[in-house]
Amino acid sequence: MEMYVKHAFNPSLTLKLRDHILTMLSQIRPVNSFPPTLQFFKPEHVEPFKELDKVGEFTVEFLLIAIELVAIQEKTNYPTGTVTENLYKNFGVKDRFSVIQSSVWKGKK
């Protein structure tokens, strides 16, 4: 939802952020150490997107780090998993409902 708030504020910059996230996701590798270390994030990655910090609950820095940690977890525990990557590939392309619905875990109870 955070990306949709930022997208409503500045669509083109948010789509550039999405592209940056997709680049990051393509470079994340599984780990065998705990706690994991960031593989992609650099503080200077935040600067081009600072304008998006004006809206929403989370800063771009927080989002980039949190998304990277989730991606590391997914690559480590589910090496063929694509939920996180597909979520961002579909953002700005498919309707909100489809994107949000695809992020909901559909496991058995």
Protein backbone atom coordinates (compact mmCIF):
# COMPACT_ATOMS: atom_id res chain seq x y z
CA MET A 1 0.00 0.00 0.00
CA GLU A 2 2.88 2.37 0.75
CA MET A 3 3.96 2.38 -2.87
CA TYR A 4 0.43 3.35 -3.93
CA VAL A 5 0.48 6.35 -1.60
CA LYS A 6 3.79 7.44 -3.08
CA HIS A 7 2.52 6.75 -6.59
CA ALA A 8 -0.50 9.01 -6.06
CA PHE A 9 1.91 11.77 -4.98
CA ASN A 10 4.48 11.35 -7.78
CA PRO A 11 3.75 8.57 -10.27
CA SER A 12 6.87 8.84 -12.43
CA LEU A 13 9.30 8.97 -9.51
CA THR A 14 7.56 6.04 -7.82
CA LEU A 15 7.87 3.98 -10.99
CA LYS A 16 11.60 4.80 -11.05
CA LEU A 17 11.77 3.57 -7.46
CA ARG A 18 9.98 0.39 -8.53
CA ASP A 19 12.57 -0.10 -11.29
CA HIS A 20 15.36 0.40 -8.75
CA ILE A 21 13.73 -2.22 -6.51
CA LEU A 22 13.48 -4.65 -9.44
CA THR A 23 17.18 -4.14 -10.19
CA MET A 24 17.95 -4.86 -6.55
CA LEU A 25 15.75 -7.98 -6.51
CA SER A 26 17.55 -9.39 -9.55
CA GLN A 27 20.86 -9.22 -7.70
CA ILE A 28 19.92 -10.70 -4.31
CA ARG A 29 21.42 -14.10 -3.50
CA PRO A 30 20.64 -16.66 -0.76
CA VAL A 31 22.66 -16.45 2.46
CA ASN A 32 23.80 -18.94 5.09
CA SER A 33 24.66 -16.54 7.87
CA PHE A 34 22.61 -14.80 10.53
CA PRO A 35 21.91 -12.01 10.72
CA PRO A 36 22.07 -11.40 6.98
CA THR A 37 23.93 -8.39 5.66
CA LEU A 38 22.58 -6.10 3.00
CA GLN A 39 23.83 -7.05 -0.45
CA PHE A 40 22.67 -4.12 -2.57
CA PHE A 41 21.61 -1.09 -0.52
CA LYS A 42 23.85 1.96 -0.37
CA PRO A 43 22.82 5.21 1.36
CA GLU A 44 23.27 7.12 -1.91
CA HIS A 45 20.47 5.04 -3.46
CA VAL A 46 17.99 7.03 -1.38
CA GLU A 47 18.84 10.50 -2.67
CA PRO A 48 17.09 10.35 -6.08
CA PHE A 49 13.85 9.37 -4.33
CA LYS A 50 13.88 11.75 -1.30
CA GLU A 51 10.85 13.64 -2.65
CA LEU A 52 8.75 10.54 -1.92
CA ASP A 53 9.52 10.85 1.81
CA LYS A 54 6.98 13.70 1.92
CA VAL A 55 4.10 11.22 1.86
CA GLY A 56 3.25 7.89 3.38
CA GLU A 57 4.24 6.20 6.59
CA PHE A 58 7.72 5.05 5.62
CA THR A 59 10.83 6.65 4.18
CA VAL A 60 12.40 5.39 0.98
CA GLU A 61 15.45 4.32 2.99
CA PHE A 62 13.30 2.14 5.23
CA LEU A 63 11.48 0.65 2.24
CA LEU A 64 14.67 -0.19 0.36
CA ILE A 65 16.22 -1.89 3.39
CA ALA A 66 13.05 -3.73 4.39
CA ILE A 67 12.38 -4.95 0.85
CA GLU A 68 15.97 -6.14 0.54
CA LEU A 69 15.76 -8.08 3.80
CA VAL A 70 12.50 -9.70 2.70
CA ALA A 71 14.10 -10.57 -0.65
CA ILE A 72 17.12 -12.13 1.10
CA GLN A 73 14.75 -14.19 3.25
CA GLU A 74 12.76 -15.30 0.22
CA LYS A 75 15.87 -16.25 -1.81
CA THR A 76 17.30 -18.13 1.18
CA ASN A 77 14.18 -20.06 2.21
CA TYR A 78 12.45 -20.33 -1.18
CA PRO A 79 15.20 -20.17 -3.85
CA THR A 80 12.69 -20.47 -6.68
CA GLY A 81 10.20 -18.10 -5.05
CA THR A 82 9.07 -15.06 -7.00
CA VAL A 83 6.35 -13.49 -4.85
CA THR A 84 8.33 -10.37 -3.96
CA GLU A 85 9.66 -9.84 -7.47
CA ASN A 86 6.26 -10.39 -9.07
CA LEU A 87 4.68 -7.96 -6.65
CA TYR A 88 6.95 -5.16 -7.88
CA LYS A 89 6.80 -6.24 -11.53
CA ASN A 90 3.03 -5.91 -11.39
CA PHE A 91 3.01 -2.59 -9.51
CA GLY A 92 2.03 0.19 -11.89
CA VAL A 93 1.03 -2.34 -14.55
CA LYS A 94 -1.87 -4.31 -13.09
CA ASP A 95 -4.76 -2.94 -11.06
CA ARG A 96 -4.27 -2.49 -7.31
CA PHE A 97 -6.60 -5.29 -6.32
CA SER A 98 -4.71 -7.86 -8.42
CA VAL A 99 -1.35 -6.75 -7.03
CA ILE A 100 -2.48 -6.72 -3.41
CA GLN A 101 -4.33 -10.03 -3.81
CA SER A 102 -1.17 -11.67 -5.21
CA SER A 103 0.73 -10.71 -2.07
CA VAL A 104 -1.66 -12.53 0.27
CA TRP A 105 -0.42 -15.91 1.47
CA LYS A 106 -2.67 -18.70 0.25
CA GLY A 107 -1.28 -21.53 2.37
CA LYS A 108 -3.30 -24.28 3.93
CA LYS A 109 -4.55 -23.95 7.49
